[in-house]
Amino acid sequence: MKEKIGKLVRQLREDANLSQTALGSHLQMSQRKISYIENGQFEPSTEDIVAICRFFGVSADYLLGLSDKK
């Protein structure tokens, strides 16, 4: 699950032309935490998932890989 979320976060970030540092600033997370999430080394908390979904305007189902619909 961590890897799937990480790939989607990276894709969303790259589609928005944001660096890990810039995304971290928007989400009040460190660049390192964004990197760990994207590389599947850290499982984001519920609060992290909510913040990512709100920022990118996607559903939690999409981010968790339960739906292809953003």
C-alpha atoms as a PDB file:
ATOM      1  CA  MET A   1       0.000   0.000   0.000  1.00  0.00           C
ATOM      2  CA  LYS A   2       2.835   2.419   0.875  1.00  0.00           C
ATOM      3  CA  GLU A   3       4.389   1.990  -2.546  1.00  0.00           C
ATOM      4  CA  LYS A   4       1.097   2.636  -4.381  1.00  0.00           C
ATOM      5  CA  ILE A   5       0.433   5.818  -2.405  1.00  0.00           C
ATOM      6  CA  GLY A   6       4.009   6.955  -2.972  1.00  0.00           C
ATOM      7  CA  LYS A   7       3.802   6.516  -6.735  1.00  0.00           C
ATOM      8  CA  LEU A   8       0.547   8.462  -6.890  1.00  0.00           C
ATOM      9  CA  VAL A   9       1.893  11.278  -4.705  1.00  0.00           C
ATOM     10  CA  ARG A  10       4.956  11.549  -6.938  1.00  0.00           C
ATOM     11  CA  GLN A  11       2.802  11.574 -10.070  1.00  0.00           C
ATOM     12  CA  LEU A  12       0.502  14.270  -8.654  1.00  0.00           C
ATOM     13  CA  ARG A  13       3.484  16.352  -7.536  1.00  0.00           C
ATOM     14  CA  GLU A  14       5.244  16.078 -10.885  1.00  0.00           C
ATOM     15  CA  ASP A  15       2.037  16.848 -12.794  1.00  0.00           C
ATOM     16  CA  ALA A  16       1.756  20.023 -10.704  1.00  0.00           C
ATOM     17  CA  ASN A  17       5.418  20.905 -11.464  1.00  0.00           C
ATOM     18  CA  LEU A  18       6.304  21.015  -7.783  1.00  0.00           C
ATOM     19  CA  SER A  19       9.536  20.016  -6.103  1.00  0.00           C
ATOM     20  CA  GLN A  20       9.428  17.869  -2.990  1.00  0.00           C
ATOM     21  CA  THR A  21      10.458  20.934  -1.009  1.00  0.00           C
ATOM     22  CA  ALA A  22       7.636  23.051  -2.441  1.00  0.00           C
ATOM     23  CA  LEU A  23       5.042  20.347  -1.782  1.00  0.00           C
ATOM     24  CA  GLY A  24       6.361  19.913   1.729  1.00  0.00           C
ATOM     25  CA  SER A  25       5.975  23.638   2.349  1.00  0.00           C
ATOM     26  CA  HIS A  26       2.365  23.562   1.175  1.00  0.00           C
ATOM     27  CA  LEU A  27       1.598  20.539   3.351  1.00  0.00           C
ATOM     28  CA  GLN A  28       3.718  21.616   6.326  1.00  0.00           C
ATOM     29  CA  MET A  29       5.923  18.541   5.937  1.00  0.00           C
ATOM     30  CA  SER A  30       9.655  18.265   5.445  1.00  0.00           C
ATOM     31  CA  GLN A  31      11.165  17.462   2.053  1.00  0.00           C
ATOM     32  CA  ARG A  32      12.546  14.283   3.620  1.00  0.00           C
ATOM     33  CA  LYS A  33       9.065  13.126   4.667  1.00  0.00           C
ATOM     34  CA  ILE A  34       7.752  13.728   1.131  1.00  0.00           C
ATOM     35  CA  SER A  35      10.681  11.727  -0.226  1.00  0.00           C
ATOM     36  CA  TYR A  36      10.037   8.860   2.199  1.00  0.00           C
ATOM     37  CA  ILE A  37       6.340   8.797   1.261  1.00  0.00           C
ATOM     38  CA  GLU A  38       7.114   8.801  -2.463  1.00  0.00           C
ATOM     39  CA  ASN A  39       9.679   6.015  -2.109  1.00  0.00           C
ATOM     40  CA  GLY A  40       7.422   3.824   0.023  1.00  0.00           C
ATOM     41  CA  GLN A  41       9.686   4.113   3.073  1.00  0.00           C
ATOM     42  CA  PHE A  42       7.029   5.811   5.205  1.00  0.00           C
ATOM     43  CA  GLU A  43       3.319   5.151   5.465  1.00  0.00           C
ATOM     44  CA  PRO A  44       1.483   8.477   5.618  1.00  0.00           C
ATOM     45  CA  SER A  45      -0.864   9.046   8.535  1.00  0.00           C
ATOM     46  CA  THR A  46      -4.564   9.668   8.062  1.00  0.00           C
ATOM     47  CA  GLU A  47      -3.885  13.379   8.532  1.00  0.00           C
ATOM     48  CA  ASP A  48      -1.168  13.267   5.860  1.00  0.00           C
ATOM     49  CA  ILE A  49      -3.520  11.536   3.413  1.00  0.00           C
ATOM     50  CA  VAL A  50      -6.246  14.104   4.058  1.00  0.00           C
ATOM     51  CA  ALA A  51      -3.797  16.978   3.536  1.00  0.00           C
ATOM     52  CA  ILE A  52      -2.493  15.486   0.270  1.00  0.00           C
ATOM     53  CA  CYS A  53      -6.023  14.832  -1.018  1.00  0.00           C
ATOM     54  CA  ARG A  54      -7.199  18.341  -0.189  1.00  0.00           C
ATOM     55  CA  PHE A  55      -4.151  19.960  -1.744  1.00  0.00           C
ATOM     56  CA  PHE A  56      -4.412  18.060  -5.027  1.00  0.00           C
ATOM     57  CA  GLY A  57      -8.217  17.872  -5.087  1.00  0.00           C
ATOM     58  CA  VAL A  58      -8.345  14.086  -5.284  1.00  0.00           C
ATOM     59  CA  SER A  59     -10.310  11.542  -3.289  1.00  0.00           C
ATOM     60  CA  ALA A  60      -8.783   9.316  -0.644  1.00  0.00           C
ATOM     61  CA  ASP A  61     -10.054   6.351  -2.665  1.00  0.00           C
ATOM     62  CA  TYR A  62      -7.891   7.518  -5.570  1.00  0.00           C
ATOM     63  CA  LEU A  63      -4.825   8.044  -3.396  1.00  0.00           C
ATOM     64  CA  LEU A  64      -5.270   4.640  -1.758  1.00  0.00           C
ATOM     65  CA  GLY A  65      -5.605   2.963  -5.143  1.00  0.00           C
ATOM     66  CA  LEU A  66      -9.247   1.988  -4.636  1.00  0.00           C
ATOM     67  CA  SER A  67     -10.506   4.047  -7.560  1.00  0.00           C
ATOM     68  CA  ASP A  68      -9.091   5.337 -10.830  1.00  0.00           C
ATOM     69  CA  LYS A  69     -11.310   8.408 -10.583  1.00  0.00           C
ATOM     70  CA  LYS A  70      -9.538  11.393  -9.080  1.00  0.00           C
END
